Amino acid sequence: MLETPEQYYEDIATLGKVLGNQVHAAEVISWYADHEKKIMSRTTKLSASQKPKVLLLQLAASGESVWKVPPDSWMQTILAERAGGIPVWKGANLGSGWATVSVEQIAAWNPDVVCIINYRANSSEAAEAFKKDKRLSSLKAVREGKVYGFPQDFYSWDQPDTRWILGLTWLAKMLHPALFTDISVIGTTEDFFNFMYGFDEAAFHTNIAPKIQGDVGEQF
């Protein structure tokens, strides 16, 4: 299963060979690699002390205040690292799927930033629920107002599909705004839908922009 950017590039190259369109496959790989390089050329230079402790949590389907973390090898963990964060859950889930974590464990990690993922509804609402949970009120991220809903449109941007590059861009800019003043999440998103799906500006703002939820940090 695709779970790393490198595997994504390999799959695109393979698909290009199978479909007899290696030129376009190379163009797709180049587009992604260029955008990834713009991020990682800066985040790889950060020292450990410059990287905030990050916690990505999925709101479980079983109900409110049930939170899960991804495995070490999954895209979410990789995005957190490449965006210039320290994934505090790393090492806690060596399995092959999302693992439930207790409130006590979340408190012990005490992250600087929390990003909430919700595959069934608006992630911003799940983030608000997290912030209002009295058991979590002492968390540094809650006290400093750094709990965010991970952006989504028809799909969440944290997943190992075409949108992972949007998730990386958003996460990097959210964690290090001063480092990415020249990069626009909106601009990257519009460029993505134009390049990948042929949406012009009017089509994007008619069909895609209204679907975007989460705490993007910029107005579409």
Protein backbone atom coordinates (compact mmCIF):
# COMPACT_ATOMS: atom_id res chain seq x y z
CA MET A 1 0.00 0.00 0.00
CA LEU A 2 1.21 3.51 -0.81
CA GLU A 3 2.43 5.09 2.42
CA THR A 4 5.44 7.22 1.45
CA PRO A 5 6.12 9.91 -1.15
CA GLU A 6 8.81 7.66 -2.60
CA GLN A 7 6.32 4.85 -3.13
CA TYR A 8 3.97 7.36 -4.76
CA TYR A 9 6.66 8.34 -7.24
CA GLU A 10 7.39 4.68 -8.00
CA ASP A 11 3.71 3.94 -8.55
CA ILE A 12 3.29 6.90 -10.91
CA ALA A 13 6.33 5.78 -12.91
CA THR A 14 4.98 2.22 -13.11
CA LEU A 15 1.55 3.47 -14.16
CA GLY A 16 3.16 5.56 -16.87
CA LYS A 17 4.90 2.50 -18.28
CA VAL A 18 1.74 0.38 -18.16
CA LEU A 19 -0.33 3.06 -19.89
CA GLY A 20 2.38 3.96 -22.35
CA ASN A 21 2.53 7.55 -21.16
CA GLN A 22 5.89 7.84 -19.44
CA VAL A 23 6.28 11.48 -20.42
CA HIS A 24 3.21 12.55 -18.47
CA ALA A 25 4.20 10.32 -15.56
CA ALA A 26 7.55 12.09 -15.43
CA GLU A 27 5.77 15.46 -15.44
CA VAL A 28 3.60 14.41 -12.49
CA ILE A 29 6.58 13.14 -10.53
CA SER A 30 8.48 16.35 -11.27
CA TRP A 31 5.57 18.52 -10.11
CA TYR A 32 5.34 16.70 -6.79
CA ALA A 33 9.09 16.50 -6.27
CA ASP A 34 9.50 20.23 -6.91
CA HIS A 35 6.83 21.11 -4.37
CA GLU A 36 8.22 18.66 -1.83
CA LYS A 37 11.73 20.07 -2.31
CA LYS A 38 10.48 23.61 -1.62
CA ILE A 39 9.38 22.37 1.79
CA MET A 40 12.16 19.99 2.73
CA SER A 41 15.01 22.21 1.56
CA ARG A 42 14.07 24.38 4.54
CA THR A 43 12.76 21.97 7.16
CA THR A 44 15.78 19.68 6.92
CA LYS A 45 17.95 22.58 8.09
CA LEU A 46 15.99 23.02 11.32
CA SER A 47 17.59 21.93 14.57
CA ALA A 48 15.68 19.71 16.98
CA SER A 49 15.04 22.71 19.23
CA GLN A 50 13.40 24.55 16.34
CA LYS A 51 10.91 21.76 15.69
CA PRO A 52 7.62 21.81 17.62
CA LYS A 53 6.25 18.64 19.17
CA VAL A 54 3.30 17.65 17.00
CA LEU A 55 0.42 15.26 17.62
CA LEU A 56 -1.83 14.11 14.77
CA LEU A 57 -5.01 12.49 16.02
CA GLN A 58 -7.93 10.94 14.22
CA LEU A 59 -11.37 11.20 15.80
CA ALA A 60 -12.45 7.57 15.99
CA ALA A 61 -15.72 6.39 14.48
CA SER A 62 -16.79 5.05 17.86
CA GLY A 63 -17.61 8.48 19.21
CA GLU A 64 -16.45 11.77 20.70
CA SER A 65 -13.19 11.95 22.66
CA VAL A 66 -11.88 8.66 21.30
CA TRP A 67 -8.60 9.45 19.60
CA LYS A 68 -6.23 7.42 17.47
CA VAL A 69 -2.65 7.81 16.23
CA PRO A 70 -1.18 6.42 12.99
CA PRO A 71 1.65 3.88 12.75
CA ASP A 72 5.24 5.07 12.46
CA SER A 73 5.46 4.00 8.82
CA TRP A 74 2.31 5.75 7.60
CA MET A 75 2.02 8.92 5.58
CA GLN A 76 0.77 11.01 8.52
CA THR A 77 3.93 10.39 10.53
CA ILE A 78 6.12 11.06 7.51
CA LEU A 79 4.31 14.33 6.77
CA ALA A 80 4.77 15.52 10.35
CA GLU A 81 8.52 14.88 10.16
CA ARG A 82 9.06 16.35 6.71
CA ALA A 83 7.02 19.44 7.61
CA GLY A 84 9.51 20.19 10.36
CA GLY A 85 7.78 18.72 13.38
CA ILE A 86 8.56 16.07 15.96
CA PRO A 87 5.77 13.44 15.95
CA VAL A 88 5.41 12.75 19.66
CA TRP A 89 3.53 9.50 19.06
CA LYS A 90 6.40 7.91 17.14
CA GLY A 91 7.22 4.56 18.68
CA ALA A 92 3.81 4.22 20.34
CA ASN A 93 2.14 2.45 17.40
CA LEU A 94 4.23 -0.16 15.64
CA GLY A 95 1.17 -1.89 14.21
CA SER A 96 -0.50 -1.74 10.82
CA GLY A 97 -3.45 0.52 11.61
CA TRP A 98 -4.65 3.43 13.70
CA ALA A 99 -4.26 2.79 17.45
CA THR A 100 -6.41 4.28 20.21
CA VAL A 101 -4.58 6.41 22.76
CA SER A 102 -5.76 7.45 26.20
CA VAL A 103 -6.24 10.98 27.45
CA GLU A 104 -3.49 10.23 29.96
CA GLN A 105 -1.07 9.42 27.17
CA ILE A 106 -1.99 12.57 25.28
CA ALA A 107 -1.37 14.57 28.46
CA ALA A 108 2.00 12.87 28.95
CA TRP A 109 3.06 13.80 25.43
CA ASN A 110 1.90 17.40 26.01
CA PRO A 111 2.39 18.48 22.38
CA ASP A 112 3.03 22.02 21.22
CA VAL A 113 0.62 21.55 18.31
CA VAL A 114 -2.33 19.18 17.79
CA CYS A 115 -3.84 18.44 14.38
CA ILE A 116 -7.21 16.71 14.31
CA ILE A 117 -8.23 14.45 11.44
CA ASN A 118 -11.86 13.52 10.84
CA TYR A 119 -12.74 11.36 7.84
CA ARG A 120 -16.51 11.64 8.37
CA ALA A 121 -17.18 15.33 9.05
CA ASN A 122 -15.59 18.76 9.33
CA SER A 123 -12.26 18.43 11.12
CA SER A 124 -12.61 21.94 12.54
CA GLU A 125 -15.59 20.78 14.57
CA ALA A 126 -13.60 17.84 15.91
CA ALA A 127 -10.80 20.25 16.82
CA GLU A 128 -13.27 22.41 18.72
CA ALA A 129 -14.52 19.35 20.62
CA PHE A 130 -10.93 18.49 21.52
CA LYS A 131 -10.30 21.99 22.86
CA LYS A 132 -13.46 21.91 24.96
CA ASP A 133 -12.61 18.59 26.61
CA LYS A 134 -11.85 19.60 30.21
CA ARG A 135 -9.51 16.63 30.61
CA LEU A 136 -7.25 18.20 27.98
CA SER A 137 -7.42 21.82 29.14
CA SER A 138 -3.90 21.78 30.60
CA LEU A 139 -2.24 20.75 27.34
CA LYS A 140 0.22 23.31 26.00
CA ALA A 141 -1.41 23.18 22.54
CA VAL A 142 -4.84 23.88 24.02
CA ARG A 143 -3.63 26.69 26.28
CA GLU A 144 -1.79 28.38 23.40
CA GLY A 145 -4.58 27.93 20.85
CA LYS A 146 -2.67 25.56 18.61
CA VAL A 147 -5.24 22.86 17.94
CA TYR A 148 -6.19 22.66 14.27
CA GLY A 149 -8.52 20.70 12.04
CA PHE A 150 -6.51 19.03 9.25
CA PRO A 151 -7.76 20.41 5.91
CA GLN A 152 -9.97 18.31 3.67
CA ASP A 153 -12.08 18.62 0.53
CA PHE A 154 -13.67 15.46 -0.82
CA TYR A 155 -10.80 13.66 0.92
CA SER A 156 -8.61 14.59 3.87
CA TRP A 157 -5.19 15.96 2.95
CA ASP A 158 -3.31 13.66 5.32
CA GLN A 159 -4.03 10.49 3.38
CA PRO A 160 -1.68 8.54 1.08
CA ASP A 161 -3.40 9.60 -2.12
CA THR A 162 -2.77 12.47 -4.52
CA ARG A 163 -3.46 15.09 -1.84
CA TRP A 164 -0.53 14.27 0.44
CA ILE A 165 1.43 17.16 -1.08
CA LEU A 166 -1.31 19.57 0.05
CA GLY A 167 -1.13 18.13 3.55
CA LEU A 168 2.65 18.57 3.60
CA THR A 169 2.39 22.17 2.38
CA TRP A 170 -0.29 23.11 4.90
CA LEU A 171 1.44 21.40 7.81
CA ALA A 172 4.82 22.96 7.06
CA LYS A 173 3.37 26.46 6.79
CA MET A 174 1.26 26.02 9.90
CA LEU A 175 4.25 24.80 11.96
CA HIS A 176 6.73 27.31 10.55
CA PRO A 177 4.85 30.32 9.14
CA ALA A 178 7.93 32.56 9.11
CA LEU A 179 9.81 29.98 7.06
CA PHE A 180 7.19 29.81 4.32
CA THR A 181 5.94 33.35 3.80
CA ASP A 182 6.44 32.90 0.06
CA ILE A 183 4.31 29.77 -0.17
CA SER A 184 0.52 29.98 -0.32
CA VAL A 185 -1.65 27.03 0.65
CA ILE A 186 -4.39 28.47 -1.55
CA GLY A 187 -2.04 28.93 -4.48
CA THR A 188 -0.64 25.42 -4.14
CA THR A 189 -4.15 23.96 -3.91
CA GLU A 190 -5.35 25.81 -7.02
CA ASP A 191 -2.20 24.75 -8.87
CA PHE A 192 -2.72 21.15 -7.76
CA PHE A 193 -6.28 20.92 -9.06
CA ASN A 194 -5.31 22.65 -12.30
CA PHE A 195 -2.31 20.42 -12.95
CA MET A 196 -3.80 17.12 -11.80
CA TYR A 197 -7.43 17.51 -12.84
CA GLY A 198 -7.56 20.35 -15.34
CA PHE A 199 -9.66 22.73 -13.22
CA ASP A 200 -9.28 26.35 -14.26
CA GLU A 201 -9.71 29.09 -11.66
CA ALA A 202 -13.48 29.40 -12.19
CA ALA A 203 -14.04 25.64 -12.02
CA PHE A 204 -11.90 25.39 -8.89
CA HIS A 205 -13.81 28.10 -7.05
CA THR A 206 -17.15 26.67 -8.15
CA ASN A 207 -16.56 22.98 -7.50
CA ILE A 208 -13.67 22.60 -5.06
CA ALA A 209 -13.28 25.68 -2.86
CA PRO A 210 -16.77 25.32 -1.29
CA LYS A 211 -15.87 21.77 -0.22
CA ILE A 212 -12.68 22.70 1.59
CA GLN A 213 -12.97 22.42 5.37
CA GLY A 214 -10.57 22.41 8.28
CA ASP A 215 -8.32 25.15 9.58
CA VAL A 216 -6.55 26.05 6.35
CA GLY A 217 -5.42 29.41 7.69
CA GLU A 218 -6.13 31.21 4.40
CA GLN A 219 -9.36 32.26 2.76
CA PHE A 220 -10.32 30.62 -0.54
